[in-house]
Structure formats: structure tokens, C-alpha cells
Amino acid sequence: MAGDATRFDDPPAEVLQEAAAAFGLLASPARLHIVWVLSRGECDVSGLAERVGGALPAVSQHLAKLKLAGLVRSRREGRRQVYYVDDPDVVTIVRLMVGQLTARERVRGLGA
């Protein structure tokens, strides 16, 4: 009902802007794949490049954008930089969306 929507306060414009920017970054299949892999555990750039099938420089650029947006973080481990998702809410959203779509795709495959 239209009246029910007025019971909740709308989020501030800044919050909507920040959420839209985060979803915009995740709209790239390569970046979404990177976050998906990192939601399963930390990984370095070469491991990510191997998993997502991208060139090292391209994966590094994606990681830089995700890091600037605060979606991933990194730490130094010896000579390598290890990346991880530090926000459990981002992990939940990515796992939920990708998991649901994967399940739908499997169901479609069974029905074909």
C-alpha cells in the first residue's frame, strides 16, 4: 500500500549516492567476480588474475577502484599484497545475489 511506504524515513541523499556508487562498481562483471572470489577468502593479484581470467594490469586496476571505494582492503605479506573484503555486508550482498542467480540458472538448465 502507498500509505505503508511513509512509515519509514528515506535514507539521506549521501547514503543513496554512496550505495549507487558501490553498486556501479559491482556492475562490472570482472569487479563482481573479484569481489566474489575475495568473499571466499583473501588472495593476491596473481591468484585473482588466474581465477577471474584477467590480465594482471587489468585486475590491478579493478582492485585499485574497489579499494578506493572501500569495498576491498589489502595488507602486505612479505613482498606481495594480499586483498580481502573487510565488510561482511558486502560479502552478504554479493553471495546472496550471485548465489540466487546461480541457483536460477541451474533450475533453468534442468528444465531445458
N, C-alpha and C. Protein backbone atom coordinates (compact mmCIF):
# COMPACT_ATOMS: atom_id res chain seq x y z
N MET A 1 0.84 -1.18 0.00
CA MET A 1 0.00 0.00 0.00
C MET A 1 0.87 1.24 0.00
N ALA A 2 0.41 2.28 -0.63
CA ALA A 2 1.17 3.52 -0.72
C ALA A 2 1.37 4.15 0.65
N GLY A 3 0.40 4.04 1.54
CA GLY A 3 0.50 4.63 2.86
C GLY A 3 1.58 3.99 3.72
N ASP A 4 1.85 2.69 3.49
CA ASP A 4 2.86 1.98 4.27
C ASP A 4 4.26 2.52 4.01
N ALA A 5 4.52 3.01 2.82
CA ALA A 5 5.85 3.50 2.47
C ALA A 5 6.24 4.71 3.29
N THR A 6 5.28 5.46 3.77
CA THR A 6 5.58 6.67 4.53
C THR A 6 5.97 6.36 5.98
N ARG A 7 5.86 5.15 6.42
CA ARG A 7 6.22 4.79 7.79
C ARG A 7 7.72 4.81 8.02
N PHE A 8 8.49 4.70 6.97
CA PHE A 8 9.94 4.64 7.09
C PHE A 8 10.56 5.92 6.55
N ASP A 9 11.61 6.35 7.22
CA ASP A 9 12.35 7.52 6.73
C ASP A 9 13.18 7.12 5.53
N ASP A 10 13.23 8.01 4.56
CA ASP A 10 14.10 7.77 3.41
C ASP A 10 15.55 7.99 3.84
N PRO A 11 16.47 7.24 3.25
CA PRO A 11 17.88 7.45 3.60
C PRO A 11 18.35 8.81 3.08
N PRO A 12 19.35 9.38 3.72
CA PRO A 12 19.89 10.65 3.25
C PRO A 12 20.45 10.51 1.83
N ALA A 13 20.46 11.60 1.11
CA ALA A 13 20.96 11.60 -0.27
C ALA A 13 22.40 11.09 -0.36
N GLU A 14 23.21 11.40 0.64
CA GLU A 14 24.61 10.96 0.64
C GLU A 14 24.70 9.44 0.70
N VAL A 15 23.83 8.83 1.48
CA VAL A 15 23.82 7.37 1.60
C VAL A 15 23.41 6.73 0.28
N LEU A 16 22.38 7.28 -0.35
CA LEU A 16 21.93 6.77 -1.65
C LEU A 16 23.04 6.92 -2.69
N GLN A 17 23.74 8.04 -2.65
CA GLN A 17 24.84 8.28 -3.59
C GLN A 17 25.94 7.25 -3.40
N GLU A 18 26.28 6.99 -2.14
CA GLU A 18 27.33 6.03 -1.82
C GLU A 18 26.93 4.61 -2.24
N ALA A 19 25.68 4.25 -1.99
CA ALA A 19 25.19 2.92 -2.38
C ALA A 19 25.19 2.77 -3.89
N ALA A 20 24.75 3.81 -4.60
CA ALA A 20 24.72 3.77 -6.07
C ALA A 20 26.14 3.62 -6.62
N ALA A 21 27.10 4.31 -6.01
CA ALA A 21 28.48 4.20 -6.46
C ALA A 21 29.01 2.78 -6.24
N ALA A 22 28.69 2.18 -5.09
CA ALA A 22 29.14 0.82 -4.81
C ALA A 22 28.51 -0.17 -5.79
N PHE A 23 27.20 -0.03 -6.02
CA PHE A 23 26.55 -0.92 -6.99
C PHE A 23 27.09 -0.68 -8.40
N GLY A 24 27.42 0.56 -8.72
CA GLY A 24 28.01 0.87 -10.02
C GLY A 24 29.33 0.15 -10.22
N LEU A 25 30.15 0.12 -9.18
CA LEU A 25 31.42 -0.60 -9.27
C LEU A 25 31.20 -2.10 -9.44
N LEU A 26 30.19 -2.62 -8.75
CA LEU A 26 29.91 -4.05 -8.84
C LEU A 26 29.16 -4.43 -10.12
N ALA A 27 28.78 -3.42 -10.91
CA ALA A 27 28.09 -3.69 -12.17
C ALA A 27 29.04 -4.24 -13.23
N SER A 28 30.33 -4.13 -13.01
CA SER A 28 31.32 -4.70 -13.91
C SER A 28 31.47 -6.19 -13.60
N PRO A 29 31.27 -7.06 -14.59
CA PRO A 29 31.42 -8.50 -14.32
C PRO A 29 32.80 -8.86 -13.74
N ALA A 30 33.84 -8.21 -14.22
CA ALA A 30 35.19 -8.51 -13.72
C ALA A 30 35.32 -8.13 -12.25
N ARG A 31 34.85 -6.93 -11.89
CA ARG A 31 34.95 -6.50 -10.50
C ARG A 31 34.05 -7.35 -9.60
N LEU A 32 32.87 -7.69 -10.08
CA LEU A 32 31.98 -8.54 -9.30
C LEU A 32 32.63 -9.91 -9.07
N HIS A 33 33.29 -10.44 -10.08
CA HIS A 33 33.98 -11.73 -9.95
C HIS A 33 35.10 -11.62 -8.91
N ILE A 34 35.83 -10.51 -8.95
CA ILE A 34 36.91 -10.30 -7.98
C ILE A 34 36.35 -10.27 -6.56
N VAL A 35 35.28 -9.52 -6.36
CA VAL A 35 34.68 -9.44 -5.03
C VAL A 35 34.13 -10.81 -4.62
N TRP A 36 33.55 -11.53 -5.57
CA TRP A 36 33.06 -12.89 -5.28
C TRP A 36 34.20 -13.78 -4.77
N VAL A 37 35.32 -13.76 -5.50
CA VAL A 37 36.47 -14.58 -5.10
C VAL A 37 36.95 -14.15 -3.71
N LEU A 38 37.05 -12.84 -3.49
CA LEU A 38 37.53 -12.33 -2.20
C LEU A 38 36.54 -12.58 -1.07
N SER A 39 35.27 -12.75 -1.42
CA SER A 39 34.28 -13.06 -0.38
C SER A 39 34.49 -14.47 0.16
N ARG A 40 35.23 -15.28 -0.58
CA ARG A 40 35.54 -16.65 -0.17
C ARG A 40 36.84 -16.73 0.61
N GLY A 41 37.65 -15.65 0.55
CA GLY A 41 38.93 -15.64 1.25
C GLY A 41 39.90 -14.70 0.57
N GLU A 42 40.96 -14.36 1.27
CA GLU A 42 41.91 -13.41 0.71
C GLU A 42 42.74 -14.02 -0.40
N CYS A 43 43.31 -13.13 -1.23
CA CYS A 43 44.04 -13.59 -2.41
C CYS A 43 44.96 -12.46 -2.89
N ASP A 44 46.07 -12.82 -3.53
CA ASP A 44 46.93 -11.79 -4.11
C ASP A 44 46.53 -11.54 -5.56
N VAL A 45 47.15 -10.56 -6.19
CA VAL A 45 46.76 -10.13 -7.54
C VAL A 45 46.93 -11.25 -8.55
N SER A 46 48.05 -11.98 -8.48
CA SER A 46 48.26 -13.04 -9.47
C SER A 46 47.24 -14.15 -9.30
N GLY A 47 46.89 -14.49 -8.07
CA GLY A 47 45.85 -15.50 -7.84
C GLY A 47 44.50 -15.05 -8.35
N LEU A 48 44.19 -13.77 -8.14
CA LEU A 48 42.93 -13.22 -8.65
C LEU A 48 42.90 -13.24 -10.17
N ALA A 49 44.01 -12.83 -10.79
CA ALA A 49 44.08 -12.80 -12.25
C ALA A 49 43.85 -14.20 -12.82
N GLU A 50 44.43 -15.19 -12.16
CA GLU A 50 44.24 -16.58 -12.60
C GLU A 50 42.78 -17.02 -12.45
N ARG A 51 42.17 -16.68 -11.32
CA ARG A 51 40.78 -17.09 -11.04
C ARG A 51 39.78 -16.41 -11.98
N VAL A 52 39.96 -15.11 -12.20
CA VAL A 52 38.97 -14.37 -12.98
C VAL A 52 39.31 -14.33 -14.47
N GLY A 53 40.47 -14.86 -14.82
CA GLY A 53 40.85 -14.91 -16.23
C GLY A 53 41.20 -13.56 -16.82
N GLY A 54 41.75 -12.69 -16.01
CA GLY A 54 42.11 -11.36 -16.50
C GLY A 54 43.60 -11.15 -16.49
N ALA A 55 44.04 -10.15 -17.24
CA ALA A 55 45.45 -9.79 -17.26
C ALA A 55 45.79 -9.11 -15.93
N LEU A 56 47.00 -9.31 -15.45
CA LEU A 56 47.43 -8.74 -14.19
C LEU A 56 47.21 -7.23 -14.10
N PRO A 57 47.60 -6.44 -15.13
CA PRO A 57 47.38 -4.99 -15.04
C PRO A 57 45.89 -4.63 -14.92
N ALA A 58 45.04 -5.34 -15.64
CA ALA A 58 43.60 -5.06 -15.58
C ALA A 58 43.04 -5.38 -14.20
N VAL A 59 43.44 -6.51 -13.65
CA VAL A 59 42.97 -6.90 -12.31
C VAL A 59 43.47 -5.89 -11.28
N SER A 60 44.71 -5.43 -11.43
CA SER A 60 45.25 -4.42 -10.53
C SER A 60 44.44 -3.13 -10.59
N GLN A 61 44.03 -2.73 -11.78
CA GLN A 61 43.21 -1.52 -11.92
C GLN A 61 41.85 -1.70 -11.26
N HIS A 62 41.24 -2.86 -11.46
CA HIS A 62 39.95 -3.13 -10.82
C HIS A 62 40.10 -3.09 -9.29
N LEU A 63 41.17 -3.69 -8.79
CA LEU A 63 41.40 -3.70 -7.35
C LEU A 63 41.60 -2.28 -6.81
N ALA A 64 42.29 -1.45 -7.57
CA ALA A 64 42.51 -0.07 -7.14
C ALA A 64 41.18 0.66 -7.00
N LYS A 65 40.28 0.46 -7.97
CA LYS A 65 38.97 1.10 -7.90
C LYS A 65 38.15 0.57 -6.72
N LEU A 66 38.16 -0.73 -6.53
CA LEU A 66 37.42 -1.33 -5.42
C LEU A 66 37.98 -0.88 -4.07
N LYS A 67 39.29 -0.72 -4.02
CA LYS A 67 39.94 -0.28 -2.79
C LYS A 67 39.59 1.18 -2.49
N LEU A 68 39.63 2.02 -3.52
CA LEU A 68 39.27 3.43 -3.35
C LEU A 68 37.84 3.58 -2.84
N ALA A 69 36.96 2.71 -3.31
CA ALA A 69 35.56 2.76 -2.90
C ALA A 69 35.34 2.14 -1.52
N GLY A 70 36.37 1.52 -0.97
CA GLY A 70 36.24 0.91 0.34
C GLY A 70 35.59 -0.46 0.32
N LEU A 71 35.49 -1.07 -0.87
CA LEU A 71 34.88 -2.40 -0.96
C LEU A 71 35.87 -3.52 -0.68
N VAL A 72 37.15 -3.27 -0.94
CA VAL A 72 38.19 -4.24 -0.59
C VAL A 72 39.32 -3.52 0.14
N ARG A 73 40.11 -4.29 0.84
CA ARG A 73 41.28 -3.77 1.54
C ARG A 73 42.46 -4.66 1.19
N SER A 74 43.63 -4.21 1.59
CA SER A 74 44.82 -5.02 1.34
C SER A 74 45.78 -4.91 2.51
N ARG A 75 46.66 -5.88 2.56
CA ARG A 75 47.74 -5.86 3.55
C ARG A 75 48.96 -6.49 2.91
N ARG A 76 50.10 -6.07 3.36
CA ARG A 76 51.35 -6.60 2.83
C ARG A 76 51.70 -7.89 3.56
N GLU A 77 52.07 -8.87 2.77
CA GLU A 77 52.51 -10.16 3.31
C GLU A 77 53.83 -10.49 2.61
N GLY A 78 54.92 -10.11 3.24
CA GLY A 78 56.22 -10.26 2.58
C GLY A 78 56.31 -9.29 1.41
N ARG A 79 56.56 -9.82 0.23
CA ARG A 79 56.67 -8.98 -0.97
C ARG A 79 55.35 -8.84 -1.72
N ARG A 80 54.34 -9.56 -1.30
CA ARG A 80 53.07 -9.50 -2.02
C ARG A 80 52.00 -8.74 -1.25
N GLN A 81 51.08 -8.22 -2.01
CA GLN A 81 49.93 -7.51 -1.47
C GLN A 81 48.75 -8.48 -1.49
N VAL A 82 48.12 -8.70 -0.34
CA VAL A 82 47.00 -9.63 -0.23
C VAL A 82 45.73 -8.81 -0.06
N TYR A 83 44.72 -9.15 -0.85
CA TYR A 83 43.45 -8.41 -0.85
C TYR A 83 42.36 -9.23 -0.17
N TYR A 84 41.41 -8.52 0.43
CA TYR A 84 40.30 -9.17 1.11
C TYR A 84 39.13 -8.19 1.20
N VAL A 85 37.94 -8.73 1.42
CA VAL A 85 36.75 -7.91 1.65
C VAL A 85 36.61 -7.80 3.16
N ASP A 86 36.62 -6.58 3.64
CA ASP A 86 36.59 -6.35 5.09
C ASP A 86 35.18 -6.04 5.59
N ASP A 87 34.22 -5.94 4.69
CA ASP A 87 32.86 -5.55 5.06
C ASP A 87 31.94 -6.76 4.93
N PRO A 88 31.48 -7.32 6.05
CA PRO A 88 30.63 -8.52 5.96
C PRO A 88 29.32 -8.25 5.22
N ASP A 89 28.84 -7.02 5.21
CA ASP A 89 27.60 -6.71 4.48
C ASP A 89 27.81 -6.82 2.98
N VAL A 90 28.97 -6.38 2.49
CA VAL A 90 29.28 -6.50 1.06
C VAL A 90 29.37 -7.98 0.70
N VAL A 91 30.02 -8.76 1.55
CA VAL A 91 30.12 -10.21 1.31
C VAL A 91 28.73 -10.82 1.24
N THR A 92 27.86 -10.46 2.16
CA THR A 92 26.50 -10.99 2.19
C THR A 92 25.74 -10.64 0.92
N ILE A 93 25.81 -9.39 0.50
CA ILE A 93 25.08 -8.94 -0.70
C ILE A 93 25.58 -9.68 -1.93
N VAL A 94 26.89 -9.77 -2.09
CA VAL A 94 27.45 -10.43 -3.28
C VAL A 94 27.12 -11.91 -3.28
N ARG A 95 27.30 -12.57 -2.14
CA ARG A 95 26.99 -14.01 -2.07
C ARG A 95 25.51 -14.27 -2.32
N LEU A 96 24.65 -13.43 -1.77
CA LEU A 96 23.21 -13.60 -1.96
C LEU A 96 22.83 -13.44 -3.43
N MET A 97 23.26 -12.36 -4.05
CA MET A 97 22.89 -12.09 -5.44
C MET A 97 23.45 -13.16 -6.38
N VAL A 98 24.74 -13.42 -6.28
CA VAL A 98 25.35 -14.40 -7.18
C VAL A 98 24.81 -15.79 -6.90
N GLY A 99 24.62 -16.12 -5.63
CA GLY A 99 24.08 -17.43 -5.27
C GLY A 99 22.67 -17.65 -5.80
N GLN A 100 21.82 -16.64 -5.67
CA GLN A 100 20.44 -16.74 -6.16
C GLN A 100 20.42 -16.91 -7.68
N LEU A 101 21.21 -16.11 -8.37
CA LEU A 101 21.23 -16.19 -9.84
C LEU A 101 21.82 -17.50 -10.32
N THR A 102 22.80 -18.02 -9.60
CA THR A 102 23.39 -19.32 -9.95
C THR A 102 22.34 -20.42 -9.78
N ALA A 103 21.58 -20.37 -8.69
CA ALA A 103 20.54 -21.36 -8.45
C ALA A 103 19.46 -21.29 -9.54
N ARG A 104 19.07 -20.09 -9.93
CA ARG A 104 18.08 -19.94 -11.00
C ARG A 104 18.60 -20.51 -12.30
N GLU A 105 19.87 -20.27 -12.60
CA GLU A 105 20.46 -20.76 -13.83
C GLU A 105 20.49 -22.29 -13.84
N ARG A 106 20.77 -22.88 -12.70
CA ARG A 106 20.78 -24.35 -12.60
C ARG A 106 19.38 -24.92 -12.82
N VAL A 107 18.37 -24.26 -12.26
CA VAL A 107 16.99 -24.70 -12.43
C VAL A 107 16.60 -24.61 -13.90
N ARG A 108 16.97 -23.50 -14.54
CA ARG A 108 16.68 -23.35 -15.98
C ARG A 108 17.34 -24.46 -16.78
N GLY A 109 18.59 -24.79 -16.39
CA GLY A 109 19.32 -25.84 -17.09
C GLY A 109 18.64 -27.20 -16.96
N LEU A 110 18.04 -27.45 -15.81
CA LEU A 110 17.33 -28.71 -15.59
C LEU A 110 16.04 -28.79 -16.40
N GLY A 111 15.42 -27.63 -16.60
CA GLY A 111 14.15 -27.60 -17.32
C GLY A 111 14.32 -27.64 -18.83
N ALA A 112 15.55 -27.45 -19.31
CA ALA A 112 15.75 -27.41 -20.76
C ALA A 112 15.80 -28.79 -21.37
